[in-house]
Amino acid sequence: MVIMSTTKESFVQAWRSSRWVQQDGTPLKLGKKAQAMLEVLVNEPHLIALKNINEVSEYFEVSPSTLTRLAKKLGFSGFDAFRKAFQEDLIPAENFYSEHIHELLDDDNTDYRSIVGQIVSESCANAMKMFEVIEHNKLQQAAEAIVNAKAVYACGLRQSYGVATGFVYTLGMLRDGVNVLGDNGLGPAHALAQIGKEDLLVLIGSTPHTRNTVKMAELAATRKIDVLAITDAYQSPLAINAQYSFVIPSSGSFFSNQMGAFHIFMEGLVSTVACHMGDDALRAIKKSEDLISSFQLGGGFT
């Protein structure tokens, strides 16, 4: 039995909006337990997208054969095809940016200063939302993890790459062994192989997530690598297996993600690291200043 969608939405999107019907046009009927499982999965797709059939069955306390039957009931060839539908939902369609710029252009606003003002206002609101949910204990734990790690690797792609490099640059003033993961051009798999269990991986990303970043989070979990996730939702595929995670809003009128709050948070995080290090931070900064002076760069940090 094949399930059909009346739109071009993904499986998960269509189920959320209750637009799925059977091939003959009649509503799909599931048992109460099967429907309850499906409702949980479509609202938290990472529960299946990043796990194997045994892990998902243990989570729901059902047998693997129950999940296979559910997948086939929904028209999939088996569990792997079913899981792939949820993986695709975590990485939105390629028209993410064009849809957002349509919204910007639909306002037909020719007051360019007001456009900038709107972005500023939204970025400030995102930063305040981020600040309102930050917990002291989580910040302290993250700072300790950064200080105690043998090495710190930061991974961010596309817009998040700028956040990652800024974090590495400033944290590198405070401690040794801070690197942007993958900058050696050897690819994510080879780069991840360089990280040991005493190291810390900082993953930075927001919707739409790149496949490499999502895969990096999944592989880090299997390799027992500690992860600090900086992302835009608690159900993010970057956060689900992370030991430490912080949620930063990135929504707004810009045609892509608004990363202002991400940069602000990272500045705050590195500042907490400096405070946690105390006099060691002062000595490290002094060393950086001396090196800058030796290159006759004037003493500034830019």
Protein backbone atom coordinates (compact mmCIF):
# COMPACT_ATOMS: atom_id res chain seq x y z
CA MET A 1 0.00 0.00 0.00
CA VAL A 2 1.55 3.29 -1.09
CA ILE A 3 0.84 6.51 0.72
CA MET A 4 0.33 9.53 -1.50
CA SER A 5 0.71 13.24 -0.73
CA THR A 6 -1.53 15.85 -2.31
CA THR A 7 1.40 18.30 -2.39
CA LYS A 8 5.16 18.25 -3.00
CA GLU A 9 5.84 18.33 0.71
CA SER A 10 8.17 15.84 2.31
CA PHE A 11 6.69 12.85 4.13
CA VAL A 12 7.18 14.45 7.54
CA GLN A 13 5.80 17.85 6.48
CA ALA A 14 2.75 16.21 4.93
CA TRP A 15 2.01 14.11 8.00
CA ARG A 16 2.28 17.18 10.21
CA SER A 17 -0.33 18.97 8.10
CA SER A 18 -2.54 15.83 7.91
CA ARG A 19 -2.54 15.71 4.12
CA TRP A 20 -1.60 12.07 3.72
CA VAL A 21 -4.07 9.60 2.28
CA GLN A 22 -3.85 6.09 0.98
CA GLN A 23 -3.51 5.37 -2.71
CA ASP A 24 -7.28 4.94 -3.07
CA GLY A 25 -7.87 8.35 -1.47
CA THR A 26 -9.13 7.10 1.88
CA PRO A 27 -7.58 8.31 5.16
CA LEU A 28 -4.78 6.22 6.59
CA LYS A 29 -5.76 4.14 9.61
CA LEU A 30 -3.19 3.16 12.21
CA GLY A 31 -3.46 1.54 15.59
CA LYS A 32 -3.24 3.84 18.62
CA LYS A 33 0.31 2.78 19.48
CA ALA A 34 1.55 3.07 15.89
CA GLN A 35 -0.05 6.48 15.49
CA ALA A 36 1.42 7.66 18.79
CA MET A 37 4.91 6.56 17.68
CA LEU A 38 4.53 8.29 14.33
CA GLU A 39 3.36 11.52 15.94
CA VAL A 40 6.42 11.54 18.20
CA LEU A 41 8.73 10.88 15.26
CA VAL A 42 7.36 13.62 13.01
CA ASN A 43 7.70 16.13 15.83
CA GLU A 44 11.19 14.93 16.78
CA PRO A 45 12.64 13.45 13.56
CA HIS A 46 16.14 13.15 15.05
CA LEU A 47 14.86 10.22 17.15
CA ILE A 48 14.88 8.05 14.04
CA ALA A 49 17.09 9.97 11.59
CA LEU A 50 20.30 9.41 13.55
CA LYS A 51 19.59 5.98 15.06
CA ASN A 52 19.45 2.38 13.86
CA ILE A 53 16.38 0.17 14.12
CA ASN A 54 17.46 -1.40 17.41
CA GLU A 55 18.03 1.99 19.07
CA VAL A 56 14.63 3.26 17.91
CA SER A 57 12.86 0.09 19.05
CA GLU A 58 14.50 0.36 22.47
CA TYR A 59 13.39 3.99 22.76
CA PHE A 60 9.74 3.12 22.07
CA GLU A 61 9.95 -0.24 23.86
CA VAL A 62 8.72 -2.16 20.82
CA SER A 63 10.27 -4.88 18.69
CA PRO A 64 12.21 -4.02 15.51
CA SER A 65 9.57 -5.95 13.53
CA THR A 66 6.93 -3.48 14.80
CA LEU A 67 8.87 -0.60 13.25
CA THR A 68 9.31 -2.51 10.01
CA ARG A 69 5.57 -3.19 9.83
CA LEU A 70 4.84 0.49 10.45
CA ALA A 71 7.25 1.50 7.67
CA LYS A 72 5.61 -0.89 5.20
CA LYS A 73 2.15 0.23 6.28
CA LEU A 74 3.18 3.73 5.28
CA GLY A 75 4.34 2.59 1.85
CA PHE A 76 8.09 2.28 2.46
CA SER A 77 10.12 -0.75 1.42
CA GLY A 78 11.49 -1.12 4.92
CA PHE A 79 12.92 0.67 7.94
CA ASP A 80 15.94 2.15 6.12
CA ALA A 81 13.73 3.84 3.52
CA PHE A 82 11.45 5.06 6.31
CA ARG A 83 14.40 6.52 8.24
CA LYS A 84 15.70 8.27 5.11
CA ALA A 85 12.47 10.28 4.91
CA PHE A 86 13.20 11.72 8.35
CA GLN A 87 16.84 12.38 7.49
CA GLU A 88 15.69 14.40 4.48
CA ASP A 89 13.34 16.43 6.68
CA LEU A 90 16.26 17.52 8.88
CA ILE A 91 17.96 18.99 5.80
CA PRO A 92 15.37 21.26 4.13
CA ALA A 93 14.99 21.65 0.39
CA GLU A 94 17.42 23.64 -1.70
CA ASN A 95 14.87 26.45 -2.13
CA PHE A 96 15.30 27.52 1.50
CA TYR A 97 17.00 30.79 0.51
CA SER A 98 14.76 31.68 -2.43
CA GLU A 99 11.65 31.21 -0.29
CA HIS A 100 13.06 33.59 2.30
CA ILE A 101 14.04 36.25 -0.21
CA HIS A 102 10.53 36.07 -1.69
CA GLU A 103 9.20 37.04 1.73
CA LEU A 104 11.66 39.95 1.86
CA LEU A 105 10.73 41.18 -1.62
CA ASP A 106 6.99 40.77 -1.05
CA ASP A 107 7.17 43.64 1.46
CA ASP A 108 8.03 45.95 -1.48
CA ASN A 109 10.05 48.13 0.88
CA THR A 110 12.24 50.79 -0.77
CA ASP A 111 13.26 52.41 2.53
CA TYR A 112 16.64 50.71 2.72
CA ARG A 113 17.50 52.21 6.09
CA SER A 114 14.37 50.68 7.58
CA ILE A 115 15.36 47.30 6.14
CA VAL A 116 18.69 47.49 7.98
CA GLY A 117 16.87 48.66 11.10
CA GLN A 118 14.53 45.68 10.92
CA ILE A 119 17.46 43.26 10.69
CA VAL A 120 19.16 44.99 13.64
CA SER A 121 15.97 44.79 15.70
CA GLU A 122 15.45 41.12 14.90
CA SER A 123 19.09 40.26 15.65
CA CYS A 124 18.84 42.00 19.01
CA ALA A 125 15.62 40.09 19.75
CA ASN A 126 17.33 36.80 18.86
CA ALA A 127 20.23 37.65 21.14
CA MET A 128 17.88 38.43 24.04
CA LYS A 129 15.94 35.19 23.50
CA MET A 130 19.24 33.34 23.59
CA PHE A 131 20.27 35.10 26.79
CA GLU A 132 16.95 34.44 28.54
CA VAL A 133 17.35 30.66 28.37
CA ILE A 134 21.07 30.41 29.15
CA GLU A 135 21.78 28.62 32.43
CA HIS A 136 24.80 29.43 34.60
CA ASN A 137 25.58 25.76 35.25
CA LYS A 138 25.62 24.91 31.54
CA LEU A 139 27.94 27.81 30.79
CA GLN A 140 30.25 26.75 33.58
CA GLN A 141 30.30 23.15 32.36
CA ALA A 142 31.01 24.24 28.78
CA ALA A 143 33.81 26.56 29.90
CA GLU A 144 35.38 23.77 31.94
CA ALA A 145 35.14 21.39 29.00
CA ILE A 146 36.86 23.90 26.72
CA VAL A 147 39.64 24.55 29.22
CA ASN A 148 40.21 20.89 30.12
CA ALA A 149 40.12 19.44 26.60
CA LYS A 150 43.45 18.32 25.20
CA ALA A 151 42.50 20.03 21.93
CA VAL A 152 39.43 21.93 20.72
CA TYR A 153 38.12 21.55 17.17
CA ALA A 154 35.40 23.80 15.76
CA CYS A 155 33.30 22.80 12.77
CA GLY A 156 30.90 25.14 10.99
CA LEU A 157 30.03 25.21 7.30
CA ARG A 158 28.54 27.91 5.05
CA GLN A 159 27.49 30.85 7.27
CA SER A 160 28.55 28.98 10.38
CA TYR A 161 32.12 28.85 9.09
CA GLY A 162 32.58 32.51 10.01
CA VAL A 163 31.31 31.79 13.53
CA ALA A 164 33.72 28.86 13.84
CA THR A 165 36.76 30.82 12.66
CA GLY A 166 35.97 33.75 14.95
CA PHE A 167 35.65 31.37 17.88
CA VAL A 168 38.94 29.63 17.03
CA TYR A 169 40.78 32.95 16.62
CA THR A 170 39.72 34.38 19.97
CA LEU A 171 39.92 31.12 21.92
CA GLY A 172 43.37 30.59 20.42
CA MET A 173 44.53 33.67 22.31
CA LEU A 174 43.68 31.89 25.55
CA ARG A 175 44.92 28.35 24.98
CA ASP A 176 46.84 26.14 22.59
CA GLY A 177 45.42 23.35 20.47
CA VAL A 178 42.45 25.19 18.95
CA ASN A 179 41.66 24.36 15.33
CA VAL A 180 39.04 24.74 12.63
CA LEU A 181 38.12 21.18 11.71
CA GLY A 182 38.74 20.31 8.08
CA ASP A 183 40.77 23.38 7.16
CA ASN A 184 43.60 21.14 6.00
CA GLY A 185 41.49 20.14 3.00
CA LEU A 186 41.49 16.42 3.83
CA GLY A 187 37.71 16.14 4.18
CA PRO A 188 35.39 15.65 7.19
CA ALA A 189 35.98 11.90 7.64
CA HIS A 190 39.77 12.25 7.77
CA ALA A 191 39.46 15.34 9.98
CA LEU A 192 37.21 13.56 12.45
CA ALA A 193 39.69 10.70 12.63
CA GLN A 194 42.23 13.14 14.11
CA ILE A 195 40.04 13.86 17.16
CA GLY A 196 40.66 11.82 20.29
CA LYS A 197 38.46 11.06 23.29
CA GLU A 198 40.28 13.70 25.33
CA ASP A 199 39.42 16.40 22.78
CA LEU A 200 36.29 18.52 22.35
CA LEU A 201 34.38 19.03 19.10
CA VAL A 202 32.40 22.28 18.80
CA LEU A 203 29.69 21.88 16.15
CA ILE A 204 28.01 25.05 14.89
CA GLY A 205 25.02 25.07 12.57
CA SER A 206 21.38 25.94 12.04
CA THR A 207 18.58 24.96 9.67
CA PRO A 208 19.10 24.08 6.84
CA HIS A 209 21.86 21.83 8.14
CA THR A 210 24.54 20.61 5.75
CA ARG A 211 24.77 16.85 5.36
CA ASN A 212 28.43 16.89 6.39
CA THR A 213 27.70 18.63 9.69
CA VAL A 214 24.86 16.24 10.50
CA LYS A 215 27.06 13.27 9.62
CA MET A 216 29.83 14.74 11.76
CA ALA A 217 27.48 14.81 14.76
CA GLU A 218 26.41 11.23 14.15
CA LEU A 219 29.96 9.90 13.75
CA ALA A 220 31.20 11.84 16.78
CA ALA A 221 28.55 10.09 18.87
CA THR A 222 29.63 6.64 17.67
CA ARG A 223 33.29 7.49 18.37
CA LYS A 224 32.46 8.70 21.91
CA ILE A 225 33.81 12.21 21.18
CA ASP A 226 32.50 14.97 23.44
CA VAL A 227 30.49 17.53 21.48
CA LEU A 228 29.51 21.11 22.28
CA ALA A 229 26.65 22.00 19.95
CA ILE A 230 25.78 25.60 19.07
CA THR A 231 22.56 25.37 17.09
CA ASP A 232 19.04 26.73 16.66
CA ALA A 233 16.83 24.06 18.27
CA TYR A 234 17.06 21.47 21.04
CA GLN A 235 15.83 18.84 18.54
CA SER A 236 18.60 19.80 16.13
CA PRO A 237 20.58 16.81 14.81
CA LEU A 238 23.68 18.54 16.16
CA ALA A 239 22.30 18.76 19.69
CA ILE A 240 20.61 15.41 20.15
CA ASN A 241 23.81 13.51 21.04
CA ALA A 242 25.86 16.45 22.32
CA GLN A 243 27.20 16.53 25.87
CA TYR A 244 26.76 20.32 25.94
CA SER A 245 24.37 22.36 23.82
CA PHE A 246 23.14 25.93 23.48
CA VAL A 247 20.20 27.06 21.38
CA ILE A 248 20.54 30.33 19.46
CA PRO A 249 17.59 31.71 17.44
CA SER A 250 18.42 32.56 13.82
CA SER A 251 15.04 33.57 12.39
CA GLY A 252 14.24 36.94 10.87
CA SER A 253 13.65 38.86 7.67
CA PHE A 254 17.07 38.20 6.16
CA PHE A 255 16.94 35.77 3.21
CA SER A 256 19.34 33.48 5.05
CA ASN A 257 19.90 32.73 8.72
CA GLN A 258 20.61 35.74 10.93
CA MET A 259 23.90 34.86 12.61
CA GLY A 260 24.31 37.95 14.78
CA ALA A 261 23.15 36.17 17.93
CA PHE A 262 25.53 33.28 17.20
CA HIS A 263 28.52 35.64 17.10
CA ILE A 264 27.38 37.38 20.28
CA PHE A 265 27.01 34.07 22.11
CA MET A 266 30.44 32.89 21.03
CA GLU A 267 31.99 36.12 22.32
CA GLY A 268 30.21 35.53 25.61
CA LEU A 269 31.33 31.90 25.73
CA VAL A 270 34.99 32.76 25.13
CA SER A 271 34.71 35.48 27.79
CA THR A 272 33.45 32.91 30.31
CA VAL A 273 36.42 30.72 29.40
CA ALA A 274 38.76 33.65 30.09
CA CYS A 275 37.14 34.24 33.48
CA HIS A 276 37.34 30.54 34.30
CA MET A 277 41.06 30.54 33.45
CA GLY A 278 41.81 33.56 35.61
CA ASP A 279 45.50 34.54 35.64
CA ASP A 280 46.27 31.88 33.02
CA ALA A 281 44.11 33.84 30.57
CA LEU A 282 46.01 37.04 31.36
CA ARG A 283 49.35 35.34 30.74
CA ALA A 284 48.09 33.85 27.46
CA ILE A 285 46.78 37.21 26.24
CA LYS A 286 50.08 38.86 27.16
CA LYS A 287 51.89 36.23 25.10
CA SER A 288 49.61 36.99 22.13
CA GLU A 289 50.27 40.71 22.50
CA ASP A 290 54.02 40.14 22.53
CA LEU A 291 53.80 38.07 19.35
CA ILE A 292 51.69 40.72 17.63
CA SER A 293 54.16 43.40 18.66
CA SER A 294 57.05 41.33 17.29
CA PHE A 295 55.38 41.41 13.88
CA GLN A 296 54.93 45.19 14.24
CA LEU A 297 51.15 44.95 13.79
CA GLY A 298 50.52 47.80 16.16
CA GLY A 299 49.10 45.91 19.14
CA GLY A 300 45.53 45.55 17.87
CA PHE A 301 43.80 42.19 17.60
CA THR A 302 41.98 42.67 14.28
